[in-house]
């Protein structure tokens, strides 16, 4: 997910995206803990996407 794509979305859409990413992060952590998955890099990618969404949301709130 790129920041350019995120900047085109509204604050409401970004909020929904953030919720979905949090769910994905939780599920990835649970799968790793239960040893159903060995994709440790997936958690860090989701974490970075969450940070991007939060950053763009902060930019939009500050601009208004």
C-alpha atoms as a PDB file:
ATOM      1  CA  UNK A   1       0.000   0.000   0.000  1.00  0.00           C
ATOM      2  CA  UNK A   2       1.431   3.337  -1.032  1.00  0.00           C
ATOM      3  CA  UNK A   3       0.947   6.691   0.654  1.00  0.00           C
ATOM      4  CA  UNK A   4      -0.180   8.211  -2.655  1.00  0.00           C
ATOM      5  CA  UNK A   5      -3.102   5.775  -2.787  1.00  0.00           C
ATOM      6  CA  UNK A   6      -3.987   6.526   0.820  1.00  0.00           C
ATOM      7  CA  UNK A   7      -4.018  10.290   0.285  1.00  0.00           C
ATOM      8  CA  UNK A   8      -6.809   9.867  -2.282  1.00  0.00           C
ATOM      9  CA  UNK A   9      -9.102   8.304   0.340  1.00  0.00           C
ATOM     10  CA  UNK A  10     -11.329  10.154   2.801  1.00  0.00           C
ATOM     11  CA  UNK A  11     -10.763  10.113   6.554  1.00  0.00           C
ATOM     12  CA  UNK A  12     -13.677   7.687   6.991  1.00  0.00           C
ATOM     13  CA  UNK A  13     -12.203   5.285   4.445  1.00  0.00           C
ATOM     14  CA  UNK A  14      -8.835   5.529   6.170  1.00  0.00           C
ATOM     15  CA  UNK A  15     -10.486   4.681   9.477  1.00  0.00           C
ATOM     16  CA  UNK A  16     -12.041   1.583   7.938  1.00  0.00           C
ATOM     17  CA  UNK A  17      -8.686   0.652   6.408  1.00  0.00           C
ATOM     18  CA  UNK A  18      -7.035   1.033   9.819  1.00  0.00           C
ATOM     19  CA  UNK A  19      -9.571  -1.304  11.429  1.00  0.00           C
ATOM     20  CA  UNK A  20      -8.995  -3.907   8.713  1.00  0.00           C
ATOM     21  CA  UNK A  21      -5.231  -3.669   9.139  1.00  0.00           C
ATOM     22  CA  UNK A  22      -5.546  -4.082  12.916  1.00  0.00           C
ATOM     23  CA  UNK A  23      -7.629  -7.223  12.384  1.00  0.00           C
ATOM     24  CA  UNK A  24      -5.063  -8.549   9.920  1.00  0.00           C
ATOM     25  CA  UNK A  25      -2.272  -7.812  12.403  1.00  0.00           C
ATOM     26  CA  UNK A  26      -4.106  -9.668  15.167  1.00  0.00           C
ATOM     27  CA  UNK A  27      -4.780 -12.659  12.926  1.00  0.00           C
ATOM     28  CA  UNK A  28      -1.160 -12.792  11.752  1.00  0.00           C
ATOM     29  CA  UNK A  29       0.088 -12.708  15.348  1.00  0.00           C
ATOM     30  CA  UNK A  30      -2.330 -15.460  16.352  1.00  0.00           C
ATOM     31  CA  UNK A  31      -1.292 -17.666  13.443  1.00  0.00           C
ATOM     32  CA  UNK A  32       2.353 -17.168  14.325  1.00  0.00           C
ATOM     33  CA  UNK A  33       1.703 -17.963  17.977  1.00  0.00           C
ATOM     34  CA  UNK A  34      -0.312 -21.076  17.126  1.00  0.00           C
ATOM     35  CA  UNK A  35       2.471 -22.111  14.713  1.00  0.00           C
ATOM     36  CA  UNK A  36       0.053 -22.202  11.789  1.00  0.00           C
ATOM     37  CA  UNK A  37       2.240 -19.805   9.840  1.00  0.00           C
ATOM     38  CA  UNK A  38       5.933 -19.027   9.624  1.00  0.00           C
ATOM     39  CA  UNK A  39       5.624 -15.709   7.780  1.00  0.00           C
ATOM     40  CA  UNK A  40       7.197 -13.390  10.303  1.00  0.00           C
ATOM     41  CA  UNK A  41       7.739 -10.672   7.698  1.00  0.00           C
ATOM     42  CA  UNK A  42       3.989 -10.298   7.248  1.00  0.00           C
ATOM     43  CA  UNK A  43       3.614  -8.742  10.711  1.00  0.00           C
ATOM     44  CA  UNK A  44       6.198  -6.065  10.017  1.00  0.00           C
ATOM     45  CA  UNK A  45       4.588  -5.215   6.663  1.00  0.00           C
ATOM     46  CA  UNK A  46       1.188  -4.798   8.296  1.00  0.00           C
ATOM     47  CA  UNK A  47       2.751  -2.693  11.036  1.00  0.00           C
ATOM     48  CA  UNK A  48       4.271  -0.353   8.444  1.00  0.00           C
ATOM     49  CA  UNK A  49       0.934  -0.099   6.608  1.00  0.00           C
ATOM     50  CA  UNK A  50      -0.772   0.855   9.881  1.00  0.00           C
ATOM     51  CA  UNK A  51       1.821   3.579  10.417  1.00  0.00           C
ATOM     52  CA  UNK A  52       1.237   4.907   6.878  1.00  0.00           C
ATOM     53  CA  UNK A  53      -2.512   5.053   7.393  1.00  0.00           C
ATOM     54  CA  UNK A  54      -2.124   6.836  10.727  1.00  0.00           C
ATOM     55  CA  UNK A  55       0.293   9.339   9.214  1.00  0.00           C
ATOM     56  CA  UNK A  56      -1.990  10.185   6.307  1.00  0.00           C
ATOM     57  CA  UNK A  57      -4.969  10.484   8.678  1.00  0.00           C
ATOM     58  CA  UNK A  58      -3.003  12.923  10.825  1.00  0.00           C
ATOM     59  CA  UNK A  59      -2.100  14.961   7.744  1.00  0.00           C
ATOM     60  CA  UNK A  60      -5.737  15.177   6.682  1.00  0.00           C
ATOM     61  CA  UNK A  61      -6.956  16.144  10.157  1.00  0.00           C
ATOM     62  CA  UNK A  62      -4.250  18.793  10.473  1.00  0.00           C
ATOM     63  CA  UNK A  63      -5.098  20.247   7.066  1.00  0.00           C
ATOM     64  CA  UNK A  64      -8.729  20.777   8.072  1.00  0.00           C
END
